[in-house]
Amino acid sequence: MKTILHGIRYFFWIIKEILAAGFSTALAAFRGESGITPIVIYYPLRVDSEWELFWFSTSVTATPSTLAMGFRDTGAGKPRIMLVQAAFGSNPEDIIAGLADMEEHVAPRVKDTPVDPSQVLWEPYEDLRDATNPDAADPVDAADQARRRRRSRRARTGRK
């Protein structure tokens, strides 16, 4: 019974979130400056069952302006990471707090393990197209070049 009640409450909560984000996104589309500043968030997951991972990632993707891009294992003793792209990333900590709230709605048991938004990694989305000639951009080649630049920077700084 508790699971059924939780499912019903979650259903109405996620519908409210989808509608609110949808209206916000639609309004942004009609403004001259839409505020689109995409970022990628490396969100440390507190949920761990396949069912919870499914519902959390699906909920993120169903909410306008966010997309769950996949999961990454980080090693023994560390939480799995979900990559999230957010279109309106001018305040990453607010987005991360929203993800934590959504995760707690999916699985209320995770409230006992708080997420500090200031400690969650994120980075600006990097447009890999050639700005001077977008038609000539090879996205695979551009992604490979970006990866090589990151590796080169890491090698210079001694990070792995």
C-alpha atoms as a PDB file:
ATOM      1  CA  MET A   1       0.000   0.000   0.000  1.00  0.00           C
ATOM      2  CA  LYS A   2       2.808   2.403   0.880  1.00  0.00           C
ATOM      3  CA  THR A   3       4.415   1.832  -2.532  1.00  0.00           C
ATOM      4  CA  ILE A   4       1.137   2.490  -4.343  1.00  0.00           C
ATOM      5  CA  LEU A   5       0.595   5.727  -2.409  1.00  0.00           C
ATOM      6  CA  HIS A   6       4.175   6.791  -3.119  1.00  0.00           C
ATOM      7  CA  GLY A   7       3.657   6.086  -6.824  1.00  0.00           C
ATOM      8  CA  ILE A   8       0.475   8.164  -6.923  1.00  0.00           C
ATOM      9  CA  ARG A   9       2.114  11.088  -5.109  1.00  0.00           C
ATOM     10  CA  TYR A  10       5.158  10.867  -7.381  1.00  0.00           C
ATOM     11  CA  PHE A  11       2.972  10.819 -10.500  1.00  0.00           C
ATOM     12  CA  PHE A  12       1.251  14.087  -9.581  1.00  0.00           C
ATOM     13  CA  TRP A  13       4.527  15.676  -8.440  1.00  0.00           C
ATOM     14  CA  ILE A  14       6.376  14.859 -11.687  1.00  0.00           C
ATOM     15  CA  ILE A  15       3.446  16.097 -13.815  1.00  0.00           C
ATOM     16  CA  LYS A  16       3.597  19.409 -11.902  1.00  0.00           C
ATOM     17  CA  GLU A  17       7.381  19.605 -12.487  1.00  0.00           C
ATOM     18  CA  ILE A  18       7.055  18.835 -16.199  1.00  0.00           C
ATOM     19  CA  LEU A  19       4.364  21.491 -16.647  1.00  0.00           C
ATOM     20  CA  ALA A  20       6.302  24.133 -14.687  1.00  0.00           C
ATOM     21  CA  ALA A  21       9.520  23.460 -16.620  1.00  0.00           C
ATOM     22  CA  GLY A  22       7.593  23.374 -19.892  1.00  0.00           C
ATOM     23  CA  PHE A  23       6.038  26.793 -19.313  1.00  0.00           C
ATOM     24  CA  SER A  24       9.389  28.224 -18.222  1.00  0.00           C
ATOM     25  CA  THR A  25      11.109  26.835 -21.319  1.00  0.00           C
ATOM     26  CA  ALA A  26       8.346  28.097 -23.620  1.00  0.00           C
ATOM     27  CA  LEU A  27       8.559  31.591 -22.121  1.00  0.00           C
ATOM     28  CA  ALA A  28      12.334  31.590 -22.597  1.00  0.00           C
ATOM     29  CA  ALA A  29      11.851  30.782 -26.278  1.00  0.00           C
ATOM     30  CA  PHE A  30       9.864  34.005 -26.776  1.00  0.00           C
ATOM     31  CA  ARG A  31      12.386  36.280 -25.077  1.00  0.00           C
ATOM     32  CA  GLY A  32      15.120  37.977 -27.087  1.00  0.00           C
ATOM     33  CA  GLU A  33      17.766  36.606 -24.734  1.00  0.00           C
ATOM     34  CA  SER A  34      16.585  33.109 -23.890  1.00  0.00           C
ATOM     35  CA  GLY A  35      19.182  32.489 -21.191  1.00  0.00           C
ATOM     36  CA  ILE A  36      20.341  29.242 -22.721  1.00  0.00           C
ATOM     37  CA  THR A  37      23.746  28.458 -21.222  1.00  0.00           C
ATOM     38  CA  PRO A  38      24.053  24.678 -21.476  1.00  0.00           C
ATOM     39  CA  ILE A  39      26.075  22.744 -18.940  1.00  0.00           C
ATOM     40  CA  VAL A  40      26.868  19.103 -18.234  1.00  0.00           C
ATOM     41  CA  ILE A  41      26.473  17.946 -14.624  1.00  0.00           C
ATOM     42  CA  TYR A  42      28.212  14.887 -13.161  1.00  0.00           C
ATOM     43  CA  TYR A  43      25.534  14.029 -10.609  1.00  0.00           C
ATOM     44  CA  PRO A  44      26.547  11.492  -7.890  1.00  0.00           C
ATOM     45  CA  LEU A  45      23.650   9.084  -7.534  1.00  0.00           C
ATOM     46  CA  ARG A  46      22.192   7.969  -4.237  1.00  0.00           C
ATOM     47  CA  VAL A  47      19.695   5.599  -5.858  1.00  0.00           C
ATOM     48  CA  ASP A  48      21.127   2.259  -6.871  1.00  0.00           C
ATOM     49  CA  SER A  49      18.447  -0.199  -7.984  1.00  0.00           C
ATOM     50  CA  GLU A  50      17.785  -0.569 -11.696  1.00  0.00           C
ATOM     51  CA  TRP A  51      14.154   0.436 -11.121  1.00  0.00           C
ATOM     52  CA  GLU A  52      15.147   3.664  -9.322  1.00  0.00           C
ATOM     53  CA  LEU A  53      17.807   4.466 -11.933  1.00  0.00           C
ATOM     54  CA  PHE A  54      15.209   3.993 -14.658  1.00  0.00           C
ATOM     55  CA  TRP A  55      12.639   6.273 -13.011  1.00  0.00           C
ATOM     56  CA  PHE A  56      15.133   8.963 -12.031  1.00  0.00           C
ATOM     57  CA  SER A  57      16.809   9.172 -15.446  1.00  0.00           C
ATOM     58  CA  THR A  58      13.446   9.024 -17.228  1.00  0.00           C
ATOM     59  CA  SER A  59      12.084  11.797 -14.997  1.00  0.00           C
ATOM     60  CA  VAL A  60      15.113  13.996 -15.730  1.00  0.00           C
ATOM     61  CA  THR A  61      14.702  13.466 -19.473  1.00  0.00           C
ATOM     62  CA  ALA A  62      10.913  14.009 -19.355  1.00  0.00           C
ATOM     63  CA  THR A  63      11.424  17.392 -17.703  1.00  0.00           C
ATOM     64  CA  PRO A  64      11.895  20.094 -20.369  1.00  0.00           C
ATOM     65  CA  SER A  65      15.410  21.575 -20.658  1.00  0.00           C
ATOM     66  CA  THR A  66      17.186  18.614 -19.024  1.00  0.00           C
ATOM     67  CA  LEU A  67      18.483  15.361 -20.456  1.00  0.00           C
ATOM     68  CA  ALA A  68      19.938  12.317 -18.709  1.00  0.00           C
ATOM     69  CA  MET A  69      22.832  11.388 -21.011  1.00  0.00           C
ATOM     70  CA  GLY A  70      23.963   8.196 -19.297  1.00  0.00           C
ATOM     71  CA  PHE A  71      25.605   6.599 -16.296  1.00  0.00           C
ATOM     72  CA  ARG A  72      29.266   6.198 -15.405  1.00  0.00           C
ATOM     73  CA  ASP A  73      30.737   3.836 -12.849  1.00  0.00           C
ATOM     74  CA  THR A  74      33.430   5.537 -10.778  1.00  0.00           C
ATOM     75  CA  GLY A  75      34.987   2.623  -8.936  1.00  0.00           C
ATOM     76  CA  ALA A  76      34.578   0.705  -5.730  1.00  0.00           C
ATOM     77  CA  GLY A  77      33.164   2.685  -2.836  1.00  0.00           C
ATOM     78  CA  LYS A  78      32.176   5.674  -4.962  1.00  0.00           C
ATOM     79  CA  PRO A  79      28.678   6.498  -6.190  1.00  0.00           C
ATOM     80  CA  ARG A  80      27.681   5.922  -9.791  1.00  0.00           C
ATOM     81  CA  ILE A  81      27.474   9.168 -11.783  1.00  0.00           C
ATOM     82  CA  MET A  82      24.612  10.278 -14.015  1.00  0.00           C
ATOM     83  CA  LEU A  83      25.554  12.738 -16.751  1.00  0.00           C
ATOM     84  CA  VAL A  84      22.873  15.410 -17.086  1.00  0.00           C
ATOM     85  CA  GLN A  85      22.720  18.124 -19.737  1.00  0.00           C
ATOM     86  CA  ALA A  86      20.836  21.227 -18.618  1.00  0.00           C
ATOM     87  CA  ALA A  87      19.974  23.928 -21.159  1.00  0.00           C
ATOM     88  CA  PHE A  88      19.545  26.746 -18.627  1.00  0.00           C
ATOM     89  CA  GLY A  89      22.766  26.345 -16.651  1.00  0.00           C
ATOM     90  CA  SER A  90      23.410  29.868 -15.414  1.00  0.00           C
ATOM     91  CA  ASN A  91      22.933  28.661 -11.819  1.00  0.00           C
ATOM     92  CA  PRO A  92      24.314  25.094 -11.645  1.00  0.00           C
ATOM     93  CA  GLU A  93      23.780  24.745  -7.896  1.00  0.00           C
ATOM     94  CA  ASP A  94      20.028  25.350  -8.291  1.00  0.00           C
ATOM     95  CA  ILE A  95      19.842  22.698 -10.999  1.00  0.00           C
ATOM     96  CA  ILE A  96      21.812  20.244  -8.856  1.00  0.00           C
ATOM     97  CA  ALA A  97      19.532  20.954  -5.874  1.00  0.00           C
ATOM     98  CA  GLY A  98      16.561  20.280  -8.167  1.00  0.00           C
ATOM     99  CA  LEU A  99      18.094  16.963  -9.235  1.00  0.00           C
ATOM    100  CA  ALA A 100      18.600  16.025  -5.579  1.00  0.00           C
ATOM    101  CA  ASP A 101      14.967  16.898  -4.843  1.00  0.00           C
ATOM    102  CA  MET A 102      13.784  14.806  -7.794  1.00  0.00           C
ATOM    103  CA  GLU A 103      15.935  11.867  -6.674  1.00  0.00           C
ATOM    104  CA  GLU A 104      14.393  12.149  -3.186  1.00  0.00           C
ATOM    105  CA  HIS A 105      10.915  12.066  -4.722  1.00  0.00           C
ATOM    106  CA  VAL A 106      11.838   8.921  -6.666  1.00  0.00           C
ATOM    107  CA  ALA A 107      13.327   7.247  -3.560  1.00  0.00           C
ATOM    108  CA  PRO A 108      12.483   9.023  -0.276  1.00  0.00           C
ATOM    109  CA  ARG A 109      15.026   6.839   1.582  1.00  0.00           C
ATOM    110  CA  VAL A 110      17.916   8.851   0.065  1.00  0.00           C
ATOM    111  CA  LYS A 111      16.974  12.001   2.034  1.00  0.00           C
ATOM    112  CA  ASP A 112      19.233  10.675   4.797  1.00  0.00           C
ATOM    113  CA  THR A 113      22.231  11.035   2.439  1.00  0.00           C
ATOM    114  CA  PRO A 114      22.275  14.711   1.443  1.00  0.00           C
ATOM    115  CA  VAL A 115      23.970  16.053  -1.686  1.00  0.00           C
ATOM    116  CA  ASP A 116      25.961  19.290  -1.371  1.00  0.00           C
ATOM    117  CA  PRO A 117      25.334  21.093  -4.691  1.00  0.00           C
ATOM    118  CA  SER A 118      28.546  23.108  -4.310  1.00  0.00           C
ATOM    119  CA  GLN A 119      30.564  19.862  -4.355  1.00  0.00           C
ATOM    120  CA  VAL A 120      29.005  18.358  -7.495  1.00  0.00           C
ATOM    121  CA  LEU A 121      31.127  18.654 -10.631  1.00  0.00           C
ATOM    122  CA  TRP A 122      29.797  20.375 -13.739  1.00  0.00           C
ATOM    123  CA  GLU A 123      31.223  22.022 -16.828  1.00  0.00           C
ATOM    124  CA  PRO A 124      29.950  24.312 -19.562  1.00  0.00           C
ATOM    125  CA  TYR A 125      28.826  22.597 -22.711  1.00  0.00           C
ATOM    126  CA  GLU A 126      31.526  22.927 -25.351  1.00  0.00           C
ATOM    127  CA  ASP A 127      30.331  23.546 -28.902  1.00  0.00           C
ATOM    128  CA  LEU A 128      32.720  21.551 -31.063  1.00  0.00           C
ATOM    129  CA  ARG A 129      31.713  23.085 -34.379  1.00  0.00           C
ATOM    130  CA  ASP A 130      34.051  25.377 -36.274  1.00  0.00           C
ATOM    131  CA  ALA A 131      32.539  28.817 -35.621  1.00  0.00           C
ATOM    132  CA  THR A 132      33.937  30.228 -38.865  1.00  0.00           C
ATOM    133  CA  ASN A 133      32.586  27.419 -41.034  1.00  0.00           C
ATOM    134  CA  PRO A 134      29.923  25.307 -39.278  1.00  0.00           C
ATOM    135  CA  ASP A 135      29.254  23.255 -42.413  1.00  0.00           C
ATOM    136  CA  ALA A 136      32.843  22.018 -42.463  1.00  0.00           C
ATOM    137  CA  ALA A 137      32.819  20.729 -38.889  1.00  0.00           C
ATOM    138  CA  ASP A 138      33.291  17.008 -38.437  1.00  0.00           C
ATOM    139  CA  PRO A 139      31.774  16.357 -34.988  1.00  0.00           C
ATOM    140  CA  VAL A 140      33.725  13.136 -34.453  1.00  0.00           C
ATOM    141  CA  ASP A 141      37.008  14.829 -35.334  1.00  0.00           C
ATOM    142  CA  ALA A 142      36.128  17.870 -33.210  1.00  0.00           C
ATOM    143  CA  ALA A 143      35.268  15.654 -30.227  1.00  0.00           C
ATOM    144  CA  ASP A 144      38.549  13.787 -30.666  1.00  0.00           C
ATOM    145  CA  GLN A 145      40.487  17.068 -30.752  1.00  0.00           C
ATOM    146  CA  ALA A 146      38.694  18.301 -27.615  1.00  0.00           C
ATOM    147  CA  ARG A 147      39.482  15.026 -25.823  1.00  0.00           C
ATOM    148  CA  ARG A 148      43.159  15.344 -26.787  1.00  0.00           C
ATOM    149  CA  ARG A 149      43.266  18.941 -25.471  1.00  0.00           C
ATOM    150  CA  ARG A 150      41.748  17.828 -22.141  1.00  0.00           C
ATOM    151  CA  ARG A 151      44.249  14.971 -21.844  1.00  0.00           C
ATOM    152  CA  SER A 152      47.104  17.343 -22.648  1.00  0.00           C
ATOM    153  CA  ARG A 153      45.932  19.794 -19.943  1.00  0.00           C
ATOM    154  CA  ARG A 154      45.620  16.954 -17.433  1.00  0.00           C
ATOM    155  CA  ALA A 155      49.096  15.706 -18.286  1.00  0.00           C
ATOM    156  CA  ARG A 156      50.558  19.191 -17.751  1.00  0.00           C
ATOM    157  CA  THR A 157      48.813  19.591 -14.392  1.00  0.00           C
ATOM    158  CA  GLY A 158      49.515  16.035 -13.262  1.00  0.00           C
ATOM    159  CA  ARG A 159      45.821  15.121 -12.924  1.00  0.00           C
ATOM    160  CA  LYS A 160      44.433  11.833 -14.128  1.00  0.00           C
END
